[in-house]
Amino acid sequence: MIQKKIPLRKCIGCNEMYPKKELIRIVNTPEDDVVLDMTGKKNGRGAYLCKNIGCLEAAIKTKAINRAFKKNISEDVYSKMLEELGGVCNGQ
């Protein structure tokens, strides 16, 4: 029996490869908003992060999210993402 391929994605915070289902997607929507996508199905360009606040903080510090979307992200968006990811991490 042929084993199904598991799609891997790279976390932009720690640069480690993980199965896609273990990561959280950050999306730059067609309306030009940057949001966390817990479902992984929203329209727009995506980048992936571990379910770890440390990885998000590293991505913010190194401006990895800015590079992924080729635009400047405001501090308001970063603080909102930190709040949302904090709720996800504490809920596990």
PDB file of N, CA and C in Angstrom:
ATOM      1  N   MET A   1       0.840  -1.171   0.000  1.00  0.00           N
ATOM      2  CA  MET A   1       0.000   0.000   0.000  1.00  0.00           C
ATOM      3  C   MET A   1       0.896   1.249   0.000  1.00  0.00           C
ATOM      4  N   ILE A   2       0.541   2.226  -0.797  1.00  0.00           N
ATOM      5  CA  ILE A   2       1.321   3.454  -0.908  1.00  0.00           C
ATOM      6  C   ILE A   2       0.951   4.389   0.235  1.00  0.00           C
ATOM      7  N   GLN A   3       1.991   4.880   0.911  1.00  0.00           N
ATOM      8  CA  GLN A   3       1.750   5.798   2.025  1.00  0.00           C
ATOM      9  C   GLN A   3       1.528   7.205   1.468  1.00  0.00           C
ATOM     10  N   LYS A   4       0.529   7.889   2.012  1.00  0.00           N
ATOM     11  CA  LYS A   4       0.200   9.235   1.579  1.00  0.00           C
ATOM     12  C   LYS A   4       1.280  10.214   2.017  1.00  0.00           C
ATOM     13  N   LYS A   5       1.619  11.175   1.146  1.00  0.00           N
ATOM     14  CA  LYS A   5       2.597  12.197   1.488  1.00  0.00           C
ATOM     15  C   LYS A   5       1.982  13.201   2.456  1.00  0.00           C
ATOM     16  N   ILE A   6       2.727  13.553   3.481  1.00  0.00           N
ATOM     17  CA  ILE A   6       2.262  14.555   4.439  1.00  0.00           C
ATOM     18  C   ILE A   6       2.877  15.891   4.031  1.00  0.00           C
ATOM     19  N   PRO A   7       2.031  16.917   3.745  1.00  0.00           N
ATOM     20  CA  PRO A   7       2.591  18.207   3.339  1.00  0.00           C
ATOM     21  C   PRO A   7       3.327  18.876   4.502  1.00  0.00           C
ATOM     22  N   LEU A   8       4.536  19.338   4.238  1.00  0.00           N
ATOM     23  CA  LEU A   8       5.346  20.021   5.235  1.00  0.00           C
ATOM     24  C   LEU A   8       5.420  21.500   4.902  1.00  0.00           C
ATOM     25  N   ARG A   9       5.485  22.320   5.942  1.00  0.00           N
ATOM     26  CA  ARG A   9       5.646  23.761   5.784  1.00  0.00           C
ATOM     27  C   ARG A   9       6.700  24.222   6.782  1.00  0.00           C
ATOM     28  N   LYS A  10       7.340  25.350   6.473  1.00  0.00           N
ATOM     29  CA  LYS A  10       8.388  25.889   7.339  1.00  0.00           C
ATOM     30  C   LYS A  10       7.818  26.998   8.209  1.00  0.00           C
ATOM     31  N   CYS A  11       8.075  26.916   9.496  1.00  0.00           N
ATOM     32  CA  CYS A  11       7.689  27.969  10.440  1.00  0.00           C
ATOM     33  C   CYS A  11       8.602  29.168  10.182  1.00  0.00           C
ATOM     34  N   ILE A  12       8.016  30.363  10.016  1.00  0.00           N
ATOM     35  CA  ILE A  12       8.836  31.530   9.747  1.00  0.00           C
ATOM     36  C   ILE A  12       9.499  32.076  11.000  1.00  0.00           C
ATOM     37  N   GLY A  13       9.141  31.536  12.170  1.00  0.00           N
ATOM     38  CA  GLY A  13       9.768  31.969  13.416  1.00  0.00           C
ATOM     39  C   GLY A  13      11.034  31.198  13.730  1.00  0.00           C
ATOM     40  N   CYS A  14      10.966  29.863  13.662  1.00  0.00           N
ATOM     41  CA  CYS A  14      12.105  29.019  14.040  1.00  0.00           C
ATOM     42  C   CYS A  14      12.762  28.331  12.845  1.00  0.00           C
ATOM     43  N   ASN A  15      12.188  28.479  11.649  1.00  0.00           N
ATOM     44  CA  ASN A  15      12.706  27.880  10.409  1.00  0.00           C
ATOM     45  C   ASN A  15      12.780  26.356  10.450  1.00  0.00           C
ATOM     46  N   GLU A  16      11.911  25.713  11.210  1.00  0.00           N
ATOM     47  CA  GLU A  16      11.823  24.249  11.260  1.00  0.00           C
ATOM     48  C   GLU A  16      10.663  23.799  10.380  1.00  0.00           C
ATOM     49  N   MET A  17      10.802  22.629   9.782  1.00  0.00           N
ATOM     50  CA  MET A  17       9.742  22.056   8.951  1.00  0.00           C
ATOM     51  C   MET A  17       8.825  21.201   9.826  1.00  0.00           C
ATOM     52  N   TYR A  18       7.510  21.391   9.663  1.00  0.00           N
ATOM     53  CA  TYR A  18       6.504  20.644  10.417  1.00  0.00           C
ATOM     54  C   TYR A  18       5.381  20.241   9.461  1.00  0.00           C
ATOM     55  N   PRO A  19       4.614  19.206   9.833  1.00  0.00           N
ATOM     56  CA  PRO A  19       3.404  18.916   9.053  1.00  0.00           C
ATOM     57  C   PRO A  19       2.463  20.126   9.084  1.00  0.00           C
ATOM     58  N   LYS A  20       1.829  20.373   7.961  1.00  0.00           N
ATOM     59  CA  LYS A  20       0.972  21.551   7.798  1.00  0.00           C
ATOM     60  C   LYS A  20      -0.095  21.663   8.884  1.00  0.00           C
ATOM     61  N   LYS A  21      -0.652  20.543   9.315  1.00  0.00           N
ATOM     62  CA  LYS A  21      -1.739  20.562  10.305  1.00  0.00           C
ATOM     63  C   LYS A  21      -1.274  20.993  11.695  1.00  0.00           C
ATOM     64  N   GLU A  22       0.021  20.947  11.972  1.00  0.00           N
ATOM     65  CA  GLU A  22       0.540  21.335  13.275  1.00  0.00           C
ATOM     66  C   GLU A  22       0.843  22.828  13.369  1.00  0.00           C
ATOM     67  N   LEU A  23       0.707  23.558  12.268  1.00  0.00           N
ATOM     68  CA  LEU A  23       1.063  24.973  12.230  1.00  0.00           C
ATOM     69  C   LEU A  23      -0.171  25.854  12.127  1.00  0.00           C
ATOM     70  N   ILE A  24       0.014  27.120  12.462  1.00  0.00           N
ATOM     71  CA  ILE A  24      -1.033  28.129  12.319  1.00  0.00           C
ATOM     72  C   ILE A  24      -0.662  28.988  11.122  1.00  0.00           C
ATOM     73  N   ARG A  25      -1.634  29.300  10.301  1.00  0.00           N
ATOM     74  CA  ARG A  25      -1.392  30.084   9.098  1.00  0.00           C
ATOM     75  C   ARG A  25      -1.671  31.552   9.378  1.00  0.00           C
ATOM     76  N   ILE A  26      -0.774  32.408   8.902  1.00  0.00           N
ATOM     77  CA  ILE A  26      -0.988  33.858   8.919  1.00  0.00           C
ATOM     78  C   ILE A  26      -1.346  34.227   7.494  1.00  0.00           C
ATOM     79  N   VAL A  27      -2.405  35.004   7.312  1.00  0.00           N
ATOM     80  CA  VAL A  27      -2.900  35.296   5.970  1.00  0.00           C
ATOM     81  C   VAL A  27      -2.913  36.790   5.706  1.00  0.00           C
ATOM     82  N   ASN A  28      -2.438  37.167   4.519  1.00  0.00           N
ATOM     83  CA  ASN A  28      -2.613  38.515   4.004  1.00  0.00           C
ATOM     84  C   ASN A  28      -3.816  38.426   3.066  1.00  0.00           C
ATOM     85  N   THR A  29      -4.971  38.871   3.535  1.00  0.00           N
ATOM     86  CA  THR A  29      -6.228  38.700   2.799  1.00  0.00           C
ATOM     87  C   THR A  29      -6.285  39.625   1.584  1.00  0.00           C
ATOM     88  N   PRO A  30      -7.187  39.343   0.648  1.00  0.00           N
ATOM     89  CA  PRO A  30      -7.362  40.243  -0.506  1.00  0.00           C
ATOM     90  C   PRO A  30      -7.764  41.665  -0.096  1.00  0.00           C
ATOM     91  N   GLU A  31      -8.347  41.812   1.105  1.00  0.00           N
ATOM     92  CA  GLU A  31      -8.711  43.143   1.613  1.00  0.00           C
ATOM     93  C   GLU A  31      -7.500  43.838   2.235  1.00  0.00           C
ATOM     94  N   ASP A  32      -6.318  43.207   2.160  1.00  0.00           N
ATOM     95  CA  ASP A  32      -5.044  43.725   2.655  1.00  0.00           C
ATOM     96  C   ASP A  32      -4.977  43.766   4.182  1.00  0.00           C
ATOM     97  N   ASP A  33      -5.651  42.832   4.854  1.00  0.00           N
ATOM     98  CA  ASP A  33      -5.545  42.665   6.298  1.00  0.00           C
ATOM     99  C   ASP A  33      -4.632  41.474   6.564  1.00  0.00           C
ATOM    100  N   VAL A  34      -3.897  41.535   7.666  1.00  0.00           N
ATOM    101  CA  VAL A  34      -3.068  40.400   8.079  1.00  0.00           C
ATOM    102  C   VAL A  34      -3.704  39.820   9.334  1.00  0.00           C
ATOM    103  N   VAL A  35      -4.113  38.531   9.264  1.00  0.00           N
ATOM    104  CA  VAL A  35      -4.815  37.883  10.372  1.00  0.00           C
ATOM    105  C   VAL A  35      -4.314  36.453  10.559  1.00  0.00           C
ATOM    106  N   LEU A  36      -4.552  35.908  11.761  1.00  0.00           N
ATOM    107  CA  LEU A  36      -4.288  34.494  11.999  1.00  0.00           C
ATOM    108  C   LEU A  36      -5.447  33.681  11.445  1.00  0.00           C
ATOM    109  N   ASP A  37      -5.127  32.588  10.784  1.00  0.00           N
ATOM    110  CA  ASP A  37      -6.145  31.719  10.197  1.00  0.00           C
ATOM    111  C   ASP A  37      -6.040  30.351  10.860  1.00  0.00           C
ATOM    112  N   MET A  38      -6.892  30.086  11.834  1.00  0.00           N
ATOM    113  CA  MET A  38      -6.851  28.819  12.551  1.00  0.00           C
ATOM    114  C   MET A  38      -7.332  27.648  11.685  1.00  0.00           C
ATOM    115  N   THR A  39      -8.191  27.929  10.691  1.00  0.00           N
ATOM    116  CA  THR A  39      -8.716  26.864   9.846  1.00  0.00           C
ATOM    117  C   THR A  39      -7.760  26.505   8.716  1.00  0.00           C
ATOM    118  N   GLY A  40      -6.923  27.443   8.305  1.00  0.00           N
ATOM    119  CA  GLY A  40      -5.994  27.202   7.206  1.00  0.00           C
ATOM    120  C   GLY A  40      -6.649  27.272   5.844  1.00  0.00           C
ATOM    121  N   LYS A  41      -7.841  27.874   5.761  1.00  0.00           N
ATOM    122  CA  LYS A  41      -8.582  27.873   4.504  1.00  0.00           C
ATOM    123  C   LYS A  41      -8.977  29.257   4.003  1.00  0.00           C
ATOM    124  N   LYS A  42      -8.581  30.313   4.692  1.00  0.00           N
ATOM    125  CA  LYS A  42      -8.948  31.655   4.238  1.00  0.00           C
ATOM    126  C   LYS A  42      -8.220  32.005   2.950  1.00  0.00           C
ATOM    127  N   ASN A  43      -8.856  32.861   2.150  1.00  0.00           N
ATOM    128  CA  ASN A  43      -8.249  33.312   0.909  1.00  0.00           C
ATOM    129  C   ASN A  43      -7.104  34.266   1.203  1.00  0.00           C
ATOM    130  N   GLY A  44      -6.069  34.198   0.388  1.00  0.00           N
ATOM    131  CA  GLY A  44      -4.959  35.127   0.496  1.00  0.00           C
ATOM    132  C   GLY A  44      -3.628  34.416   0.600  1.00  0.00           C
ATOM    133  N   ARG A  45      -2.576  35.209   0.581  1.00  0.00           N
ATOM    134  CA  ARG A  45      -1.223  34.682   0.688  1.00  0.00           C
ATOM    135  C   ARG A  45      -0.966  34.285   2.134  1.00  0.00           C
ATOM    136  N   GLY A  46      -0.342  33.138   2.337  1.00  0.00           N
ATOM    137  CA  GLY A  46      -0.140  32.626   3.684  1.00  0.00           C
ATOM    138  C   GLY A  46       1.309  32.414   4.056  1.00  0.00           C
ATOM    139  N   ALA A  47       1.552  32.438   5.349  1.00  0.00           N
ATOM    140  CA  ALA A  47       2.832  32.064   5.946  1.00  0.00           C
ATOM    141  C   ALA A  47       2.473  31.247   7.184  1.00  0.00           C
ATOM    142  N   TYR A  48       3.398  30.417   7.649  1.00  0.00           N
ATOM    143  CA  TYR A  48       3.077  29.486   8.727  1.00  0.00           C
ATOM    144  C   TYR A  48       3.921  29.721   9.961  1.00  0.00           C
ATOM    145  N   LEU A  49       3.318  29.490  11.137  1.00  0.00           N
ATOM    146  CA  LEU A  49       3.970  29.628  12.437  1.00  0.00           C
ATOM    147  C   LEU A  49       3.637  28.438  13.316  1.00  0.00           C
ATOM    148  N   CYS A  50       4.569  28.083  14.196  1.00  0.00           N
ATOM    149  CA  CYS A  50       4.305  27.067  15.216  1.00  0.00           C
ATOM    150  C   CYS A  50       3.249  27.605  16.175  1.00  0.00           C
ATOM    151  N   LYS A  51       2.611  26.710  16.907  1.00  0.00           N
ATOM    152  CA  LYS A  51       1.657  27.139  17.938  1.00  0.00           C
ATOM    153  C   LYS A  51       2.441  27.475  19.195  1.00  0.00           C
ATOM    154  N   ASN A  52       3.315  28.466  19.065  1.00  0.00           N
ATOM    155  CA  ASN A  52       4.241  28.824  20.127  1.00  0.00           C
ATOM    156  C   ASN A  52       4.444  30.334  20.071  1.00  0.00           C
ATOM    157  N   ILE A  53       4.213  31.006  21.183  1.00  0.00           N
ATOM    158  CA  ILE A  53       4.360  32.458  21.205  1.00  0.00           C
ATOM    159  C   ILE A  53       5.800  32.864  20.913  1.00  0.00           C
ATOM    160  N   GLY A  54       6.759  32.043  21.326  1.00  0.00           N
ATOM    161  CA  GLY A  54       8.168  32.348  21.078  1.00  0.00           C
ATOM    162  C   GLY A  54       8.475  32.465  19.588  1.00  0.00           C
ATOM    163  N   CYS A  55       7.854  31.625  18.781  1.00  0.00           N
ATOM    164  CA  CYS A  55       8.070  31.691  17.331  1.00  0.00           C
ATOM    165  C   CYS A  55       7.468  32.967  16.745  1.00  0.00           C
ATOM    166  N   LEU A  56       6.304  33.368  17.227  1.00  0.00           N
ATOM    167  CA  LEU A  56       5.702  34.615  16.750  1.00  0.00           C
ATOM    168  C   LEU A  56       6.565  35.797  17.155  1.00  0.00           C
ATOM    169  N   GLU A  57       7.062  35.791  18.388  1.00  0.00           N
ATOM    170  CA  GLU A  57       7.930  36.881  18.840  1.00  0.00           C
ATOM    171  C   GLU A  57       9.211  36.939  18.012  1.00  0.00           C
ATOM    172  N   ALA A  58       9.776  35.770  17.673  1.00  0.00           N
ATOM    173  CA  ALA A  58      10.977  35.724  16.838  1.00  0.00           C
ATOM    174  C   ALA A  58      10.681  36.254  15.437  1.00  0.00           C
ATOM    175  N   ALA A  59       9.518  35.897  14.887  1.00  0.00           N
ATOM    176  CA  ALA A  59       9.136  36.372  13.556  1.00  0.00           C
ATOM    177  C   ALA A  59       8.943  37.886  13.548  1.00  0.00           C
ATOM    178  N   ILE A  60       8.402  38.430  14.638  1.00  0.00           N
ATOM    179  CA  ILE A  60       8.227  39.879  14.743  1.00  0.00           C
ATOM    180  C   ILE A  60       9.591  40.562  14.851  1.00  0.00           C
ATOM    181  N   LYS A  61      10.449  40.022  15.690  1.00  0.00           N
ATOM    182  CA  LYS A  61      11.767  40.618  15.932  1.00  0.00           C
ATOM    183  C   LYS A  61      12.622  40.642  14.659  1.00  0.00           C
ATOM    184  N   THR A  62      12.575  39.561  13.880  1.00  0.00           N
ATOM    185  CA  THR A  62      13.388  39.480  12.662  1.00  0.00           C
ATOM    186  C   THR A  62      12.670  40.027  11.433  1.00  0.00           C
ATOM    187  N   LYS A  63      11.437  40.520  11.621  1.00  0.00           N
ATOM    188  CA  LYS A  63      10.612  41.060  10.542  1.00  0.00           C
ATOM    189  C   LYS A  63      10.332  40.021   9.450  1.00  0.00           C
ATOM    190  N   ALA A  64      10.218  38.762   9.848  1.00  0.00           N
ATOM    191  CA  ALA A  64       9.951  37.676   8.901  1.00  0.00           C
ATOM    192  C   ALA A  64       8.563  37.795   8.279  1.00  0.00           C
ATOM    193  N   ILE A  65       7.594  38.286   9.044  1.00  0.00           N
ATOM    194  CA  ILE A  65       6.236  38.439   8.514  1.00  0.00           C
ATOM    195  C   ILE A  65       6.218  39.554   7.470  1.00  0.00           C
ATOM    196  N   ASN A  66       6.943  40.634   7.742  1.00  0.00           N
ATOM    197  CA  ASN A  66       7.042  41.719   6.756  1.00  0.00           C
ATOM    198  C   ASN A  66       7.628  41.202   5.447  1.00  0.00           C
ATOM    199  N   ARG A  67       8.680  40.392   5.532  1.00  0.00           N
ATOM    200  CA  ARG A  67       9.312  39.849   4.328  1.00  0.00           C
ATOM    201  C   ARG A  67       8.391  38.870   3.604  1.00  0.00           C
ATOM    202  N   ALA A  68       7.665  38.054   4.361  1.00  0.00           N
ATOM    203  CA  ALA A  68       6.781  37.060   3.750  1.00  0.00           C
ATOM    204  C   ALA A  68       5.684  37.724   2.917  1.00  0.00           C
ATOM    205  N   PHE A  69       5.176  38.857   3.391  1.00  0.00           N
ATOM    206  CA  PHE A  69       4.086  39.533   2.693  1.00  0.00           C
ATOM    207  C   PHE A  69       4.545  40.756   1.908  1.00  0.00           C
ATOM    208  N   LYS A  70       5.842  41.062   1.961  1.00  0.00           N
ATOM    209  CA  LYS A  70       6.435  42.188   1.225  1.00  0.00           C
ATOM    210  C   LYS A  70       5.721  43.494   1.516  1.00  0.00           C
ATOM    211  N   LYS A  71       5.436  43.730   2.808  1.00  0.00           N
ATOM    212  CA  LYS A  71       4.825  44.987   3.233  1.00  0.00           C
ATOM    213  C   LYS A  71       5.087  45.179   4.723  1.00  0.00           C
ATOM    214  N   ASN A  72       4.943  46.406   5.189  1.00  0.00           N
ATOM    215  CA  ASN A  72       5.121  46.695   6.614  1.00  0.00           C
ATOM    216  C   ASN A  72       3.848  46.370   7.368  1.00  0.00           C
ATOM    217  N   ILE A  73       4.012  45.669   8.486  1.00  0.00           N
ATOM    218  CA  ILE A  73       2.889  45.289   9.338  1.00  0.00           C
ATOM    219  C   ILE A  73       2.905  46.210  10.549  1.00  0.00           C
ATOM    220  N   SER A  74       1.739  46.748  10.927  1.00  0.00           N
ATOM    221  CA  SER A  74       1.673  47.684  12.045  1.00  0.00           C
ATOM    222  C   SER A  74       1.766  46.953  13.384  1.00  0.00           C
ATOM    223  N   GLU A  75       2.136  47.690  14.403  1.00  0.00           N
ATOM    224  CA  GLU A  75       2.250  47.141  15.757  1.00  0.00           C
ATOM    225  C   GLU A  75       0.894  46.670  16.279  1.00  0.00           C
ATOM    226  N   ASP A  76      -0.193  47.318  15.849  1.00  0.00           N
ATOM    227  CA  ASP A  76      -1.544  46.908  16.271  1.00  0.00           C
ATOM    228  C   ASP A  76      -1.841  45.481  15.823  1.00  0.00           C
ATOM    229  N   VAL A  77      -1.456  45.150  14.600  1.00  0.00           N
ATOM    230  CA  VAL A  77      -1.693  43.812  14.060  1.00  0.00           C
ATOM    231  C   VAL A  77      -0.874  42.797  14.855  1.00  0.00           C
ATOM    232  N   TYR A  78       0.393  43.143  15.144  1.00  0.00           N
ATOM    233  CA  TYR A  78       1.244  42.239  15.924  1.00  0.00           C
ATOM    234  C   TYR A  78       0.659  41.984  17.317  1.00  0.00           C
ATOM    235  N   SER A  79       0.190  43.035  17.989  1.00  0.00           N
ATOM    236  CA  SER A  79      -0.354  42.852  19.339  1.00  0.00           C
ATOM    237  C   SER A  79      -1.633  42.004  19.303  1.00  0.00           C
ATOM    238  N   LYS A  80      -2.456  42.202  18.272  1.00  0.00           N
ATOM    239  CA  LYS A  80      -3.676  41.393  18.133  1.00  0.00           C
ATOM    240  C   LYS A  80      -3.320  39.929  17.902  1.00  0.00           C
ATOM    241  N   MET A  81      -2.303  39.674  17.075  1.00  0.00           N
ATOM    242  CA  MET A  81      -1.877  38.305  16.801  1.00  0.00           C
ATOM    243  C   MET A  81      -1.301  37.656  18.061  1.00  0.00           C
ATOM    244  N   LEU A  82      -0.553  38.404  18.859  1.00  0.00           N
ATOM    245  CA  LEU A  82      -0.013  37.872  20.118  1.00  0.00           C
ATOM    246  C   LEU A  82      -1.140  37.480  21.067  1.00  0.00           C
ATOM    247  N   GLU A  83      -2.193  38.302  21.143  1.00  0.00           N
ATOM    248  CA  GLU A  83      -3.349  37.993  22.000  1.00  0.00           C
ATOM    249  C   GLU A  83      -4.040  36.714  21.528  1.00  0.00           C
ATOM    250  N   GLU A  84      -4.297  36.628  20.222  1.00  0.00           N
ATOM    251  CA  GLU A  84      -4.991  35.455  19.670  1.00  0.00           C
ATOM    252  C   GLU A  84      -4.179  34.183  19.869  1.00  0.00           C
ATOM    253  N   LEU A  85      -2.873  34.257  19.595  1.00  0.00           N
ATOM    254  CA  LEU A  85      -2.021  33.077  19.740  1.00  0.00           C
ATOM    255  C   LEU A  85      -1.865  32.702  21.208  1.00  0.00           C
ATOM    256  N   GLY A  86      -1.858  33.679  22.098  1.00  0.00           N
ATOM    257  CA  GLY A  86      -1.822  33.396  23.527  1.00  0.00           C
ATOM    258  C   GLY A  86      -3.041  32.617  23.974  1.00  0.00           C
ATOM    259  N   GLY A  87      -4.203  32.965  23.439  1.00  0.00           N
ATOM    260  CA  GLY A  87      -5.436  32.229  23.750  1.00  0.00           C
ATOM    261  C   GLY A  87      -5.401  30.822  23.225  1.00  0.00           C
ATOM    262  N   VAL A  88      -4.805  30.607  22.062  1.00  0.00           N
ATOM    263  CA  VAL A  88      -4.712  29.276  21.473  1.00  0.00           C
ATOM    264  C   VAL A  88      -3.738  28.417  22.284  1.00  0.00           C
ATOM    265  N   CYS A  89      -2.609  28.989  22.652  1.00  0.00           N
ATOM    266  CA  CYS A  89      -1.598  28.244  23.400  1.00  0.00           C
ATOM    267  C   CYS A  89      -2.092  27.874  24.795  1.00  0.00           C
ATOM    268  N   ASN A  90      -2.814  28.793  25.441  1.00  0.00           N
ATOM    269  CA  ASN A  90      -3.326  28.506  26.790  1.00  0.00           C
ATOM    270  C   ASN A  90      -4.502  27.534  26.753  1.00  0.00           C
ATOM    271  N   GLY A  91      -5.193  27.462  25.628  1.00  0.00           N
ATOM    272  CA  GLY A  91      -6.337  26.575  25.490  1.00  0.00           C
ATOM    273  C   GLY A  91      -5.967  25.130  25.244  1.00  0.00           C
ATOM    274  N   GLN A  92      -4.695  24.842  24.971  1.00  0.00           N
ATOM    275  CA  GLN A  92      -4.292  23.469  24.682  1.00  0.00           C
ATOM    276  C   GLN A  92      -4.132  22.656  25.917  1.00  0.00           C
TER     277      GLN A  92
END
